C-alpha atoms as a PDB file:
ATOM      1  CA  MET A   1      41.268  46.723 -32.265  1.00  0.00           C
ATOM      2  CA  ASN A   2      39.169  44.935 -34.910  1.00  0.00           C
ATOM      3  CA  GLU A   3      35.772  46.138 -34.957  1.00  0.00           C
ATOM      4  CA  PHE A   4      33.299  43.563 -33.371  1.00  0.00           C
ATOM      5  CA  GLU A   5      36.323  44.765 -30.083  1.00  0.00           C
ATOM      6  CA  LYS A   6      35.264  47.988 -30.814  1.00  0.00           C
ATOM      7  CA  ILE A   7      31.026  47.187 -31.257  1.00  0.00           C
ATOM      8  CA  LYS A   8      31.469  45.300 -28.136  1.00  0.00           C
ATOM      9  CA  LYS A   9      33.016  48.096 -26.062  1.00  0.00           C
ATOM     10  CA  MET A  10      30.781  50.247 -27.227  1.00  0.00           C
ATOM     11  CA  TYR A  11      27.956  48.083 -25.830  1.00  0.00           C
ATOM     12  CA  GLU A  12      29.546  48.468 -22.304  1.00  0.00           C
ATOM     13  CA  ASN A  13      28.992  52.061 -22.968  1.00  0.00           C
ATOM     14  CA  GLY A  14      25.600  52.122 -23.418  1.00  0.00           C
ATOM     15  CA  PHE A  15      25.622  52.201 -27.251  1.00  0.00           C
ATOM     16  CA  ARG A  16      22.763  50.335 -28.784  1.00  0.00           C
ATOM     17  CA  CYS A  17      22.545  49.692 -32.667  1.00  0.00           C
ATOM     18  CA  ILE A  18      19.248  51.519 -34.025  1.00  0.00           C
ATOM     19  CA  ARG A  19      20.475  49.919 -37.960  1.00  0.00           C
ATOM     20  CA  TYR A  20      21.964  48.319 -40.242  1.00  0.00           C
ATOM     21  CA  ASP A  21      23.005  48.226 -43.833  1.00  0.00           C
ATOM     22  CA  ASP A  22      24.385  45.374 -45.444  1.00  0.00           C
ATOM     23  CA  THR A  23      25.504  44.735 -49.113  1.00  0.00           C
ATOM     24  CA  LYS A  24      25.788  41.439 -50.631  1.00  0.00           C
ATOM     25  CA  ASP A  25      29.513  41.637 -51.429  1.00  0.00           C
ATOM     26  CA  GLY A  26      30.357  45.056 -50.082  1.00  0.00           C
ATOM     27  CA  GLU A  27      30.476  47.357 -46.803  1.00  0.00           C
ATOM     28  CA  MET A  28      28.171  46.725 -43.585  1.00  0.00           C
ATOM     29  CA  CYS A  29      27.195  50.467 -42.292  1.00  0.00           C
ATOM     30  CA  ILE A  30      26.029  50.573 -38.250  1.00  0.00           C
ATOM     31  CA  TYR A  31      24.597  53.155 -36.373  1.00  0.00           C
ATOM     32  CA  PHE A  32      24.962  52.640 -32.947  1.00  0.00           C
ATOM     33  CA  LYS A  33      23.259  55.812 -30.638  1.00  0.00           C
ATOM     34  CA  ASN A  34      23.238  55.814 -26.545  1.00  0.00           C
ATOM     35  CA  PHE A  35      20.189  56.661 -25.298  1.00  0.00           C
ATOM     36  CA  GLU A  36      21.479  58.340 -22.000  1.00  0.00           C
ATOM     37  CA  ASN A  37      23.506  61.542 -23.801  1.00  0.00           C
ATOM     38  CA  GLU A  38      22.189  61.344 -26.915  1.00  0.00           C
ATOM     39  CA  ASP A  39      25.441  60.123 -29.033  1.00  0.00           C
ATOM     40  CA  SER A  40      25.503  58.388 -31.871  1.00  0.00           C
ATOM     41  CA  GLN A  41      28.481  56.494 -33.820  1.00  0.00           C
ATOM     42  CA  ALA A  42      28.453  54.737 -37.346  1.00  0.00           C
ATOM     43  CA  LEU A  43      30.991  52.300 -38.339  1.00  0.00           C
ATOM     44  CA  ARG A  44      32.149  50.142 -41.887  1.00  0.00           C
ATOM     45  CA  VAL A  45      33.028  46.805 -42.173  1.00  0.00           C
ATOM     46  CA  GLN A  46      33.774  44.378 -44.434  1.00  0.00           C
ATOM     47  CA  GLY A  47      34.810  40.781 -44.087  1.00  0.00           C
ATOM     48  CA  PHE A  48      31.973  37.790 -44.166  1.00  0.00           C
ATOM     49  CA  GLU A  49      33.339  36.467 -40.993  1.00  0.00           C
ATOM     50  CA  GLN A  50      33.382  40.034 -39.284  1.00  0.00           C
ATOM     51  CA  LYS A  51      29.962  40.558 -40.150  1.00  0.00           C
ATOM     52  CA  MET A  52      27.894  37.789 -39.040  1.00  0.00           C
ATOM     53  CA  GLN A  53      30.056  37.502 -36.077  1.00  0.00           C
ATOM     54  CA  ILE A  54      28.543  41.497 -35.405  1.00  0.00           C
ATOM     55  CA  LYS A  55      25.263  40.762 -37.023  1.00  0.00           C
ATOM     56  CA  ASN A  56      25.044  37.927 -34.044  1.00  0.00           C
ATOM     57  CA  PHE A  57      26.369  39.934 -31.572  1.00  0.00           C
ATOM     58  CA  ILE A  58      23.521  42.816 -32.141  1.00  0.00           C
ATOM     59  CA  ASN A  59      20.746  40.169 -32.455  1.00  0.00           C
ATOM     60  CA  GLN A  60      22.017  38.412 -29.314  1.00  0.00           C
ATOM     61  CA  ASN A  61      22.227  41.606 -26.881  1.00  0.00           C
ATOM     62  CA  SER A  62      18.839  43.607 -28.824  1.00  0.00           C
ATOM     63  CA  MET A  63      15.894  43.517 -26.668  1.00  0.00           C
ATOM     64  CA  LYS A  64      13.234  41.552 -28.441  1.00  0.00           C
END
């Protein structure tokens, strides 16, 4: 399972992105929290295409 699929599954299980740090040529670190059970997790992602796909998903699924 790639990182994007893992993140989609995490969103299905109640996790939400609380922050991400993206370096220009390096990896992106994404921090998640499930506010129902206070669990938190972090993932590291590399590759421009995958980072853009994940950022778009997070932005589309964030509360405005």
